[in-house]
């Protein structure tokens, strides 16, 4: 047949190549959509169960095939329930692409023209707040969509500055409770509610701010800056790991590492998980 070629015992046509490429791009976009969130782990778990179902069916294991088959029969409905936020984001992305607002649905890399965020206002604000034993909770959005948490607070959409951060976390400010979310180099929202970690190994010495920071970092890829109101210590939390008692230079180095992939100096402290903190 015209337009086909043979590799070993396989006869492949150009349509097959296009089909494989499109499926590859689809799975890549699906991975980008789910990466940094707990939904990716759920998706991998479902795929593992499906692969196990194919293996036991091919092996003729009737009982296990029947059990897994019943589970797979409700898989579509379960996926819609579990991934409703991700499906919504995917459809919004397609909608924006079809209206030619942002043709990024099949982009292979992030926008290289994006401005690098200035971290000094956060470092200076954290230093000042720590010196006054004023608590603070600042979330840096990475790949995960934090709209759900931003909507729980008051939308601001303001330029980042030390004075604005100090004003928000002032103890007399109505916005000081909750977290500030930073997205696209701007203060997206304040007074936001974050999920509190249910990890039993989180020690009692860590207050609600640290537990909220750990909880968010467990379900997203966000980086969270915490200033303790009790001790005045500055901490960073990522992926459930806590960097505690950071100096100004340590904070700057760690933020550069986590936000911009800049390697820190060897003198910066290592992260500790909740289990290590408890120990």
Protein backbone atom coordinates (compact mmCIF):
# COMPACT_ATOMS: atom_id res chain seq x y z
CA UNK A 1 0.00 0.00 0.00
CA UNK A 2 1.26 3.51 -0.88
CA UNK A 3 2.54 5.53 2.03
CA UNK A 4 3.49 2.55 4.20
CA UNK A 5 6.84 1.16 5.31
CA UNK A 6 7.94 -1.95 7.14
CA UNK A 7 9.90 -2.23 10.40
CA UNK A 8 10.58 -5.90 11.08
CA UNK A 9 7.22 -7.65 10.97
CA UNK A 10 5.30 -4.38 11.41
CA UNK A 11 3.73 -2.53 8.49
CA UNK A 12 3.28 1.12 9.39
CA UNK A 13 1.48 3.83 7.45
CA UNK A 14 1.82 7.59 7.72
CA UNK A 15 -1.60 7.79 9.33
CA UNK A 16 -0.32 5.44 12.05
CA UNK A 17 2.61 7.78 12.69
CA UNK A 18 0.30 10.79 12.91
CA UNK A 19 -2.03 8.82 15.21
CA UNK A 20 0.82 7.94 17.59
CA UNK A 21 2.10 11.52 17.61
CA UNK A 22 -1.34 12.92 18.42
CA UNK A 23 -1.83 10.42 21.23
CA UNK A 24 1.64 11.28 22.57
CA UNK A 25 0.80 14.99 22.56
CA UNK A 26 -2.52 14.28 24.26
CA UNK A 27 -0.88 12.30 27.06
CA UNK A 28 1.79 14.99 27.43
CA UNK A 29 -0.86 17.67 27.86
CA UNK A 30 -2.70 15.41 30.30
CA UNK A 31 0.50 15.02 32.30
CA UNK A 32 1.05 18.80 32.34
CA UNK A 33 -2.52 19.28 33.48
CA UNK A 34 -2.21 16.86 36.39
CA UNK A 35 1.40 17.36 37.40
CA UNK A 36 1.99 18.88 40.80
CA UNK A 37 -1.33 17.75 42.21
CA UNK A 38 -2.71 14.71 43.98
CA UNK A 39 -4.83 14.03 40.87
CA UNK A 40 -1.72 12.72 39.09
CA UNK A 41 -1.28 10.00 41.73
CA UNK A 42 -4.96 9.07 41.43
CA UNK A 43 -4.64 8.87 37.65
CA UNK A 44 -1.57 6.64 37.88
CA UNK A 45 -3.41 4.43 40.35
CA UNK A 46 -6.37 4.05 37.97
CA UNK A 47 -4.04 3.26 35.06
CA UNK A 48 -2.28 0.62 37.17
CA UNK A 49 -5.60 -1.04 37.98
CA UNK A 50 -6.58 -0.97 34.30
CA UNK A 51 -3.28 -2.57 33.24
CA UNK A 52 -3.75 -5.23 35.92
CA UNK A 53 -7.24 -5.86 34.55
CA UNK A 54 -5.84 -6.40 31.05
CA UNK A 55 -3.20 -8.80 32.36
CA UNK A 56 -5.57 -10.96 34.43
CA UNK A 57 -8.11 -11.05 31.59
CA UNK A 58 -5.43 -12.20 29.15
CA UNK A 59 -4.29 -14.81 31.69
CA UNK A 60 -7.83 -16.16 32.01
CA UNK A 61 -8.23 -15.48 35.74
CA UNK A 62 -12.01 -15.32 35.72
CA UNK A 63 -12.74 -14.35 39.34
CA UNK A 64 -10.26 -11.49 39.46
CA UNK A 65 -11.29 -10.41 35.97
CA UNK A 66 -14.92 -10.19 37.10
CA UNK A 67 -14.02 -8.14 40.19
CA UNK A 68 -11.80 -5.72 38.31
CA UNK A 69 -14.29 -5.58 35.45
CA UNK A 70 -17.00 -4.34 37.81
CA UNK A 71 -14.61 -1.68 39.05
CA UNK A 72 -13.70 -0.61 35.51
CA UNK A 73 -17.39 -0.42 34.50
CA UNK A 74 -17.82 2.63 36.76
CA UNK A 75 -14.39 4.01 35.91
CA UNK A 76 -15.66 6.73 33.55
CA UNK A 77 -18.15 8.08 36.09
CA UNK A 78 -15.58 7.89 38.88
CA UNK A 79 -13.03 9.74 36.72
CA UNK A 80 -15.49 12.57 36.04
CA UNK A 81 -16.11 12.95 39.79
CA UNK A 82 -12.45 12.71 40.80
CA UNK A 83 -11.07 14.92 38.03
CA UNK A 84 -13.83 17.50 37.71
CA UNK A 85 -11.46 20.40 38.44
CA UNK A 86 -8.87 19.14 35.94
CA UNK A 87 -11.54 18.53 33.26
CA UNK A 88 -12.82 22.06 33.80
CA UNK A 89 -9.31 23.49 33.39
CA UNK A 90 -8.74 21.43 30.23
CA UNK A 91 -12.00 22.62 28.65
CA UNK A 92 -11.21 26.23 29.58
CA UNK A 93 -7.81 25.86 27.92
CA UNK A 94 -9.42 24.53 24.74
CA UNK A 95 -11.97 27.35 24.82
CA UNK A 96 -9.25 29.97 25.05
CA UNK A 97 -7.32 28.34 22.21
CA UNK A 98 -10.34 28.18 19.89
CA UNK A 99 -11.01 31.89 20.41
CA UNK A 100 -7.35 32.60 19.56
CA UNK A 101 -6.78 34.29 22.91
CA UNK A 102 -3.91 32.02 23.86
CA UNK A 103 -2.73 29.32 21.46
CA UNK A 104 -0.97 27.24 24.13
CA UNK A 105 -3.00 24.05 24.29
CA UNK A 106 -0.24 22.10 22.54
CA UNK A 107 2.76 24.14 23.59
CA UNK A 108 5.78 22.11 24.58
CA UNK A 109 7.31 24.58 27.02
CA UNK A 110 6.44 27.47 29.24
CA UNK A 111 6.47 30.98 27.89
CA UNK A 112 10.13 31.93 27.88
CA UNK A 113 9.24 35.61 27.83
CA UNK A 114 7.68 35.46 31.29
CA UNK A 115 9.30 37.92 33.64
CA UNK A 116 11.35 36.59 36.50
CA UNK A 117 9.70 37.54 39.77
CA UNK A 118 11.58 39.80 42.16
CA UNK A 119 11.80 37.91 45.45
CA UNK A 120 13.31 40.72 47.50
CA UNK A 121 9.93 42.19 48.62
CA UNK A 122 9.08 38.80 50.12
CA UNK A 123 12.48 38.43 51.80
CA UNK A 124 12.36 41.95 53.26
CA UNK A 125 8.73 41.63 54.36
CA UNK A 126 9.42 38.26 56.01
CA UNK A 127 12.40 39.74 57.87
CA UNK A 128 10.34 42.69 59.15
CA UNK A 129 7.36 40.53 60.10
CA UNK A 130 9.59 38.02 61.90
CA UNK A 131 11.22 40.85 63.86
CA UNK A 132 7.77 41.90 65.11
CA UNK A 133 6.54 38.32 65.70
CA UNK A 134 3.78 38.91 63.17
CA UNK A 135 2.50 35.76 61.50
CA UNK A 136 2.37 35.44 57.71
CA UNK A 137 1.48 32.82 55.13
CA UNK A 138 2.49 33.41 51.49
CA UNK A 139 1.81 30.87 48.73
CA UNK A 140 3.78 30.90 45.47
CA UNK A 141 1.77 29.33 42.67
CA UNK A 142 3.77 26.98 40.43
CA UNK A 143 2.08 24.55 38.04
CA UNK A 144 -1.02 23.75 40.06
CA UNK A 145 -4.21 25.76 39.68
CA UNK A 146 -4.94 27.57 42.97
CA UNK A 147 -8.14 29.29 41.85
CA UNK A 148 -10.20 27.21 44.26
CA UNK A 149 -8.14 28.53 47.20
CA UNK A 150 -7.94 32.07 45.81
CA UNK A 151 -11.72 32.20 45.55
CA UNK A 152 -11.99 31.37 49.26
CA UNK A 153 -10.43 34.75 50.10
CA UNK A 154 -10.54 38.32 48.79
CA UNK A 155 -9.28 38.89 45.25
CA UNK A 156 -6.70 41.69 45.03
CA UNK A 157 -4.68 41.39 41.79
CA UNK A 158 -2.05 43.90 42.90
CA UNK A 159 1.62 44.49 42.24
CA UNK A 160 3.91 42.88 44.81
CA UNK A 161 5.58 45.26 47.26
CA UNK A 162 6.98 45.01 50.77
CA UNK A 163 4.66 47.72 52.11
CA UNK A 164 1.56 46.00 50.72
CA UNK A 165 2.58 42.67 52.25
CA UNK A 166 3.26 44.38 55.58
CA UNK A 167 -0.15 46.06 55.42
CA UNK A 168 -1.95 42.79 54.66
CA UNK A 169 -0.35 40.89 57.53
CA UNK A 170 -0.62 43.73 60.03
CA UNK A 171 -2.43 42.37 63.08
CA UNK A 172 -5.07 45.10 62.83
CA UNK A 173 -5.77 44.41 59.15
CA UNK A 174 -8.96 42.51 58.27
CA UNK A 175 -6.91 40.57 55.71
CA UNK A 176 -4.19 39.28 58.02
CA UNK A 177 -5.88 35.93 58.74
CA UNK A 178 -5.34 33.30 56.09
CA UNK A 179 -2.87 33.14 53.22
CA UNK A 180 -1.76 35.43 50.42
CA UNK A 181 -1.51 33.74 47.01
CA UNK A 182 1.09 34.94 44.51
CA UNK A 183 0.40 34.13 40.86
CA UNK A 184 1.90 35.55 37.64
CA UNK A 185 4.17 37.85 39.66
CA UNK A 186 1.17 39.52 41.34
CA UNK A 187 -0.71 39.27 44.60
CA UNK A 188 -3.75 37.36 43.41
CA UNK A 189 -5.73 37.12 46.66
CA UNK A 190 -5.51 37.47 50.44
CA UNK A 191 -7.28 35.94 53.44
CA UNK A 192 -7.36 32.60 51.61
CA UNK A 193 -8.22 29.33 53.34
CA UNK A 194 -5.78 26.46 52.84
CA UNK A 195 -6.30 22.74 53.53
CA UNK A 196 -4.80 21.68 56.88
CA UNK A 197 -2.53 18.63 56.78
CA UNK A 198 -3.98 15.45 58.26
CA UNK A 199 -0.56 13.87 58.64
CA UNK A 200 -0.45 12.48 62.22
CA UNK A 201 3.34 12.89 62.26
CA UNK A 202 3.15 16.69 62.16
CA UNK A 203 4.35 17.71 65.64
CA UNK A 204 2.19 19.72 68.00
CA UNK A 205 4.87 22.41 68.12
CA UNK A 206 3.89 23.48 64.60
CA UNK A 207 0.94 25.82 64.60
CA UNK A 208 -2.00 26.14 62.26
CA UNK A 209 -0.05 28.19 59.72
CA UNK A 210 2.57 25.47 59.32
CA UNK A 211 -0.10 22.77 59.14
CA UNK A 212 -1.92 24.71 56.42
CA UNK A 213 1.34 25.20 54.51
CA UNK A 214 2.15 21.50 54.75
CA UNK A 215 -1.40 20.58 53.76
CA UNK A 216 -1.33 22.69 50.59
CA UNK A 217 2.14 21.45 49.65
CA UNK A 218 0.90 17.85 49.94
CA UNK A 219 -1.80 18.32 47.28
CA UNK A 220 -0.12 20.89 44.99
CA UNK A 221 3.37 21.79 43.84
CA UNK A 222 3.19 25.22 45.49
CA UNK A 223 5.94 26.75 47.61
CA UNK A 224 4.73 28.28 50.89
CA UNK A 225 6.51 30.89 53.01
CA UNK A 226 5.57 30.87 56.70
CA UNK A 227 6.43 33.38 59.43
CA UNK A 228 5.61 32.07 62.89
CA UNK A 229 3.71 34.43 65.15
CA UNK A 230 4.87 32.57 68.29
CA UNK A 231 8.62 32.30 67.58
CA UNK A 232 9.23 34.72 64.71
CA UNK A 233 10.97 31.95 62.75
CA UNK A 234 10.86 31.94 58.96
CA UNK A 235 10.12 28.65 57.19
CA UNK A 236 9.58 27.39 53.66
CA UNK A 237 7.43 24.38 52.85
CA UNK A 238 7.39 22.33 49.65
CA UNK A 239 6.07 18.82 48.97
CA UNK A 240 5.42 18.26 52.67
CA UNK A 241 9.02 19.12 53.61
CA UNK A 242 9.75 21.97 55.99
CA UNK A 243 12.80 24.28 55.89
CA UNK A 244 12.77 25.85 59.35
CA UNK A 245 14.52 28.75 61.04
CA UNK A 246 15.83 30.36 57.85
CA UNK A 247 17.97 33.46 57.89
CA UNK A 248 17.44 36.18 55.30
CA UNK A 249 20.22 34.84 53.08
CA UNK A 250 18.94 31.27 53.44
CA UNK A 251 15.42 32.37 52.52
CA UNK A 252 16.65 34.17 49.43
CA UNK A 253 18.73 31.18 48.33
CA UNK A 254 15.90 28.69 48.88
CA UNK A 255 13.35 30.83 47.05
CA UNK A 256 15.72 31.11 44.09
CA UNK A 257 16.16 27.35 44.13
CA UNK A 258 12.46 26.47 44.42
CA UNK A 259 11.04 29.13 42.13
CA UNK A 260 13.78 29.49 39.50
CA UNK A 261 15.86 26.28 39.81
CA UNK A 262 18.90 28.20 41.01
CA UNK A 263 21.16 25.91 43.03
CA UNK A 264 21.60 27.07 46.65
CA UNK A 265 24.90 27.32 48.44
CA UNK A 266 26.03 24.32 50.47
CA UNK A 267 25.55 26.21 53.74
CA UNK A 268 21.77 26.48 53.41
CA UNK A 269 19.82 24.15 55.74
CA UNK A 270 18.26 20.96 54.51
CA UNK A 271 14.55 20.35 54.47
CA UNK A 272 12.95 18.16 57.09
CA UNK A 273 9.82 16.13 56.67
CA UNK A 274 7.06 16.13 59.25
CA UNK A 275 8.41 12.86 60.65
CA UNK A 276 11.91 14.34 61.06
CA UNK A 277 10.53 17.49 62.68
CA UNK A 278 8.57 15.34 65.13
CA UNK A 279 11.70 13.38 65.98
